[in-house]
C-alpha atoms as a PDB file:
ATOM      1  CA  MET A   1     -21.527  -9.510  -5.447  1.00  0.00           C
ATOM      2  CA  TYR A   2     -19.017 -11.630  -7.050  1.00  0.00           C
ATOM      3  CA  THR A   3     -17.962  -8.000  -9.477  1.00  0.00           C
ATOM      4  CA  SER A   4     -17.196  -6.942  -6.445  1.00  0.00           C
ATOM      5  CA  SER A   5     -15.421  -9.608  -4.511  1.00  0.00           C
ATOM      6  CA  LEU A   6     -13.042  -9.977  -8.126  1.00  0.00           C
ATOM      7  CA  TYR A   7     -12.114  -5.989  -7.967  1.00  0.00           C
ATOM      8  CA  GLU A   8     -10.880  -6.529  -4.157  1.00  0.00           C
ATOM      9  CA  THR A   9      -8.767 -10.032  -5.226  1.00  0.00           C
ATOM     10  CA  ASP A  10      -7.630 -10.001  -8.821  1.00  0.00           C
ATOM     11  CA  PHE A  11      -8.175  -6.455 -10.042  1.00  0.00           C
ATOM     12  CA  TYR A  12      -6.171  -7.315 -13.797  1.00  0.00           C
ATOM     13  CA  ALA A  13      -9.635 -10.019 -14.396  1.00  0.00           C
ATOM     14  CA  TRP A  14     -12.130  -7.237 -12.865  1.00  0.00           C
ATOM     15  CA  THR A  15     -10.636  -5.046 -15.693  1.00  0.00           C
ATOM     16  CA  GLN A  16     -11.580  -7.058 -18.343  1.00  0.00           C
ATOM     17  CA  GLU A  17     -14.781  -8.344 -17.072  1.00  0.00           C
ATOM     18  CA  GLN A  18     -15.535  -4.660 -16.949  1.00  0.00           C
ATOM     19  CA  VAL A  19     -14.342  -4.522 -20.801  1.00  0.00           C
ATOM     20  CA  ASN A  20     -16.416  -7.373 -21.309  1.00  0.00           C
ATOM     21  CA  LEU A  21     -19.470  -6.709 -19.262  1.00  0.00           C
ATOM     22  CA  LEU A  22     -19.607  -3.109 -21.512  1.00  0.00           C
ATOM     23  CA  LYS A  23     -19.051  -4.068 -24.604  1.00  0.00           C
ATOM     24  CA  ALA A  24     -21.552  -6.608 -24.373  1.00  0.00           C
ATOM     25  CA  GLN A  25     -24.004  -2.845 -23.340  1.00  0.00           C
ATOM     26  CA  GLN A  26     -24.904  -5.426 -19.933  1.00  0.00           C
ATOM     27  CA  TRP A  27     -25.189  -1.397 -18.159  1.00  0.00           C
ATOM     28  CA  ASP A  28     -27.169  -3.677 -15.256  1.00  0.00           C
ATOM     29  CA  GLN A  29     -24.329  -5.961 -14.253  1.00  0.00           C
ATOM     30  CA  VAL A  30     -20.887  -3.428 -14.983  1.00  0.00           C
ATOM     31  CA  ASP A  31     -19.742  -2.910 -10.990  1.00  0.00           C
ATOM     32  CA  THR A  32     -19.939   1.221 -11.614  1.00  0.00           C
ATOM     33  CA  ILE A  33     -19.250   2.355  -8.112  1.00  0.00           C
ATOM     34  CA  ASN A  34     -15.522   0.670  -8.821  1.00  0.00           C
ATOM     35  CA  LEU A  35     -15.298   2.124 -12.105  1.00  0.00           C
ATOM     36  CA  ILE A  36     -16.356   5.489 -11.141  1.00  0.00           C
ATOM     37  CA  GLU A  37     -13.047   5.343  -8.592  1.00  0.00           C
ATOM     38  CA  GLU A  38     -10.813   3.966 -10.645  1.00  0.00           C
ATOM     39  CA  ILE A  39     -12.009   6.060 -14.018  1.00  0.00           C
ATOM     40  CA  GLU A  40     -11.230   9.674 -11.353  1.00  0.00           C
ATOM     41  CA  THR A  41      -7.947   8.026 -10.149  1.00  0.00           C
ATOM     42  CA  LEU A  42      -6.415   7.267 -13.655  1.00  0.00           C
ATOM     43  CA  GLY A  43      -7.198  10.995 -14.339  1.00  0.00           C
ATOM     44  CA  ARG A  44      -5.791  11.735 -10.975  1.00  0.00           C
ATOM     45  CA  LYS A  45      -2.886   9.689 -12.064  1.00  0.00           C
ATOM     46  CA  GLU A  46      -1.994  11.592 -15.478  1.00  0.00           C
ATOM     47  CA  ARG A  47      -1.841  14.729 -13.685  1.00  0.00           C
ATOM     48  CA  GLN A  48       0.744  13.574 -11.008  1.00  0.00           C
ATOM     49  CA  GLU A  49       2.523  11.806 -14.254  1.00  0.00           C
ATOM     50  CA  LEU A  50       2.813  15.459 -15.347  1.00  0.00           C
ATOM     51  CA  ARG A  51       3.831  16.757 -12.703  1.00  0.00           C
ATOM     52  CA  ASN A  52       5.951  15.011 -11.454  1.00  0.00           C
ATOM     53  CA  ARG A  53       8.049  15.066 -14.748  1.00  0.00           C
ATOM     54  CA  LEU A  54       7.913  18.672 -14.999  1.00  0.00           C
ATOM     55  CA  GLY A  55       9.977  18.835 -11.707  1.00  0.00           C
ATOM     56  CA  VAL A  56      12.690  16.060 -12.626  1.00  0.00           C
ATOM     57  CA  LEU A  57      12.846  18.377 -16.243  1.00  0.00           C
ATOM     58  CA  LEU A  58      13.151  21.826 -13.906  1.00  0.00           C
ATOM     59  CA  GLY A  59      15.903  19.880 -11.754  1.00  0.00           C
ATOM     60  CA  HIS A  60      18.012  18.843 -14.173  1.00  0.00           C
ATOM     61  CA  LEU A  61      17.919  22.322 -15.363  1.00  0.00           C
ATOM     62  CA  LEU A  62      18.752  23.880 -12.529  1.00  0.00           C
ATOM     63  CA  LYS A  63      21.542  21.370 -12.120  1.00  0.00           C
ATOM     64  CA  TRP A  64      22.303  21.964 -15.606  1.00  0.00           C
ATOM     65  CA  GLN A  65      22.629  25.569 -14.663  1.00  0.00           C
ATOM     66  CA  PHE A  66      24.420  25.521 -12.013  1.00  0.00           C
ATOM     67  CA  GLN A  67      26.570  23.358 -11.945  1.00  0.00           C
ATOM     68  CA  SER A  68      28.334  22.819 -15.539  1.00  0.00           C
ATOM     69  CA  GLU A  69      31.222  22.075 -14.626  1.00  0.00           C
ATOM     70  CA  LYS A  70      29.595  18.539 -14.182  1.00  0.00           C
ATOM     71  CA  ARG A  71      27.482  18.983 -17.100  1.00  0.00           C
ATOM     72  CA  SER A  72      26.995  15.241 -18.544  1.00  0.00           C
ATOM     73  CA  SER A  73      25.538  12.951 -21.190  1.00  0.00           C
ATOM     74  CA  SER A  74      23.647  11.444 -18.655  1.00  0.00           C
ATOM     75  CA  TRP A  75      21.975  14.925 -17.365  1.00  0.00           C
ATOM     76  CA  LEU A  76      21.199  16.253 -20.886  1.00  0.00           C
ATOM     77  CA  GLY A  77      19.200  12.515 -21.734  1.00  0.00           C
ATOM     78  CA  THR A  78      17.166  12.896 -19.185  1.00  0.00           C
ATOM     79  CA  ILE A  79      16.298  16.350 -20.055  1.00  0.00           C
ATOM     80  CA  ARG A  80      15.685  14.921 -23.904  1.00  0.00           C
ATOM     81  CA  GLU A  81      13.907  12.006 -22.427  1.00  0.00           C
ATOM     82  CA  GLN A  82      10.965  13.886 -19.711  1.00  0.00           C
ATOM     83  CA  ARG A  83      10.721  16.549 -22.253  1.00  0.00           C
ATOM     84  CA  VAL A  84       9.981  13.955 -25.166  1.00  0.00           C
ATOM     85  CA  GLN A  85       7.975  11.726 -21.795  1.00  0.00           C
ATOM     86  CA  ILE A  86       5.424  15.723 -21.491  1.00  0.00           C
ATOM     87  CA  LYS A  87       5.253  15.755 -24.825  1.00  0.00           C
ATOM     88  CA  LEU A  88       3.832  12.029 -25.050  1.00  0.00           C
ATOM     89  CA  LEU A  89       1.561  13.254 -22.082  1.00  0.00           C
ATOM     90  CA  LEU A  90       0.313  16.099 -23.993  1.00  0.00           C
ATOM     91  CA  GLU A  91      -0.265  14.583 -27.516  1.00  0.00           C
ATOM     92  CA  ASP A  92      -2.377  11.798 -25.198  1.00  0.00           C
ATOM     93  CA  SER A  93      -4.256  13.715 -23.606  1.00  0.00           C
ATOM     94  CA  PRO A  94      -4.108  17.218 -24.888  1.00  0.00           C
ATOM     95  CA  SER A  95      -6.234  18.461 -22.420  1.00  0.00           C
ATOM     96  CA  LEU A  96      -3.474  18.593 -19.520  1.00  0.00           C
ATOM     97  CA  LYS A  97      -1.713  21.431 -21.108  1.00  0.00           C
ATOM     98  CA  PRO A  98      -3.944  23.835 -19.349  1.00  0.00           C
ATOM     99  CA  TYR A  99      -2.547  22.063 -16.665  1.00  0.00           C
ATOM    100  CA  LEU A 100       1.247  22.979 -17.506  1.00  0.00           C
ATOM    101  CA  ASN A 101       0.141  27.063 -16.072  1.00  0.00           C
ATOM    102  CA  GLU A 102      -1.097  25.153 -12.649  1.00  0.00           C
ATOM    103  CA  ILE A 103       1.497  23.111 -11.394  1.00  0.00           C
ATOM    104  CA  PHE A 104       4.157  24.937 -12.198  1.00  0.00           C
ATOM    105  CA  LEU A 105       5.002  26.186  -8.894  1.00  0.00           C
ATOM    106  CA  ALA A 106       4.580  22.396  -7.618  1.00  0.00           C
ATOM    107  CA  ALA A 107       6.849  20.922  -9.891  1.00  0.00           C
ATOM    108  CA  TYR A 108       9.361  23.854 -10.058  1.00  0.00           C
ATOM    109  CA  GLU A 109       9.762  22.682  -5.632  1.00  0.00           C
ATOM    110  CA  LEU A 110       9.943  19.708  -7.111  1.00  0.00           C
ATOM    111  CA  GLY A 111      12.924  20.266  -9.191  1.00  0.00           C
ATOM    112  CA  LEU A 112      14.593  22.320  -6.413  1.00  0.00           C
ATOM    113  CA  ALA A 113      14.504  19.706  -3.679  1.00  0.00           C
ATOM    114  CA  LEU A 114      15.654  17.721  -6.979  1.00  0.00           C
ATOM    115  CA  ALA A 115      18.360  19.808  -7.525  1.00  0.00           C
ATOM    116  CA  ILE A 116      19.953  21.066  -3.480  1.00  0.00           C
ATOM    117  CA  ARG A 117      20.266  16.692  -2.608  1.00  0.00           C
ATOM    118  CA  GLU A 118      22.032  15.621  -5.689  1.00  0.00           C
ATOM    119  CA  THR A 119      24.209  18.813  -6.707  1.00  0.00           C
ATOM    120  CA  GLN A 120      24.790  19.440  -2.490  1.00  0.00           C
ATOM    121  CA  LEU A 121      25.466  23.318  -3.398  1.00  0.00           C
ATOM    122  CA  GLY A 122      22.471  24.331  -1.310  1.00  0.00           C
ATOM    123  CA  GLU A 123      18.936  25.901  -0.910  1.00  0.00           C
ATOM    124  CA  GLN A 124      20.333  29.490  -0.958  1.00  0.00           C
ATOM    125  CA  ILE A 125      22.555  29.082  -4.489  1.00  0.00           C
ATOM    126  CA  PHE A 126      19.132  28.963  -6.790  1.00  0.00           C
ATOM    127  CA  PRO A 127      16.377  30.838  -7.549  1.00  0.00           C
ATOM    128  CA  GLU A 128      13.942  31.520  -4.846  1.00  0.00           C
ATOM    129  CA  GLU A 129      11.192  31.232  -8.251  1.00  0.00           C
ATOM    130  CA  CYS A 130      11.791  29.399 -11.417  1.00  0.00           C
ATOM    131  CA  PRO A 131      13.510  30.889 -13.321  1.00  0.00           C
ATOM    132  CA  TYR A 132      12.546  29.708 -17.456  1.00  0.00           C
ATOM    133  CA  THR A 133       9.647  30.441 -18.230  1.00  0.00           C
ATOM    134  CA  LEU A 134       7.022  27.016 -19.964  1.00  0.00           C
ATOM    135  CA  GLU A 135       8.007  27.877 -23.142  1.00  0.00           C
ATOM    136  CA  GLN A 136      11.995  27.134 -22.729  1.00  0.00           C
ATOM    137  CA  ILE A 137      11.432  24.021 -20.680  1.00  0.00           C
ATOM    138  CA  ILE A 138       9.481  22.738 -22.608  1.00  0.00           C
ATOM    139  CA  ASN A 139      11.983  23.929 -25.889  1.00  0.00           C
ATOM    140  CA  PRO A 140      14.053  20.684 -27.160  1.00  0.00           C
ATOM    141  CA  GLU A 141      17.045  23.367 -28.388  1.00  0.00           C
ATOM    142  CA  PHE A 142      16.874  25.316 -24.351  1.00  0.00           C
ATOM    143  CA  LEU A 143      19.340  24.783 -21.891  1.00  0.00           C
ATOM    144  CA  PRO A 144      20.337  27.318 -19.618  1.00  0.00           C
ATOM    145  CA  GLU A 145      23.698  28.813 -19.612  1.00  0.00           C
ATOM    146  CA  PRO A 146      26.198  29.508 -16.066  1.00  0.00           C
ATOM    147  CA  ASP A 147      25.358  33.331 -16.713  1.00  0.00           C
ATOM    148  CA  ALA A 148      21.688  32.867 -18.147  1.00  0.00           C
ATOM    149  CA  LEU A 149      20.796  34.491 -14.111  1.00  0.00           C
ATOM    150  CA  GLU A 150      22.307  37.983 -13.925  1.00  0.00           C
ATOM    151  CA  PRO A 151      21.675  39.758 -10.766  1.00  0.00           C
ATOM    152  CA  GLN A 152      18.274  42.065 -11.403  1.00  0.00           C
ATOM    153  CA  GLN A 153      19.289  45.858 -11.075  1.00  0.00           C
ATOM    154  CA  GLU A 154      16.179  47.294  -9.729  1.00  0.00           C
END
């Protein structure tokens, strides 16, 4: 089939052809197998982007808190940008909001890895579990302070 061949050789041309076939309601000519695969992939990419942006945001919040002497406008800019990008992602796809809870642990692991790599402070400096709530993380007013993490008394 020409359409499947086009899918392999010129993806953009294939997408435009599929749009035209769908608009013309030429259902029998639509490359349904590849179209289904691409739609599924788009959903996965949206979730991955949300997880990755949350991870970058968490990493910079950790850096902000645990390496306060090196705070910079660049770090603050990254924190703000990630919050805005997360907000926009959730506005574009509100059904992703519940997914935030599902990806929270994985996003913290990504953020922790970023903070360890970029600060070179060592893994033992950072908490094993995320010290921030989801509400704090996405709150544009929230910035953790160095003394925000005091050892808990049991």
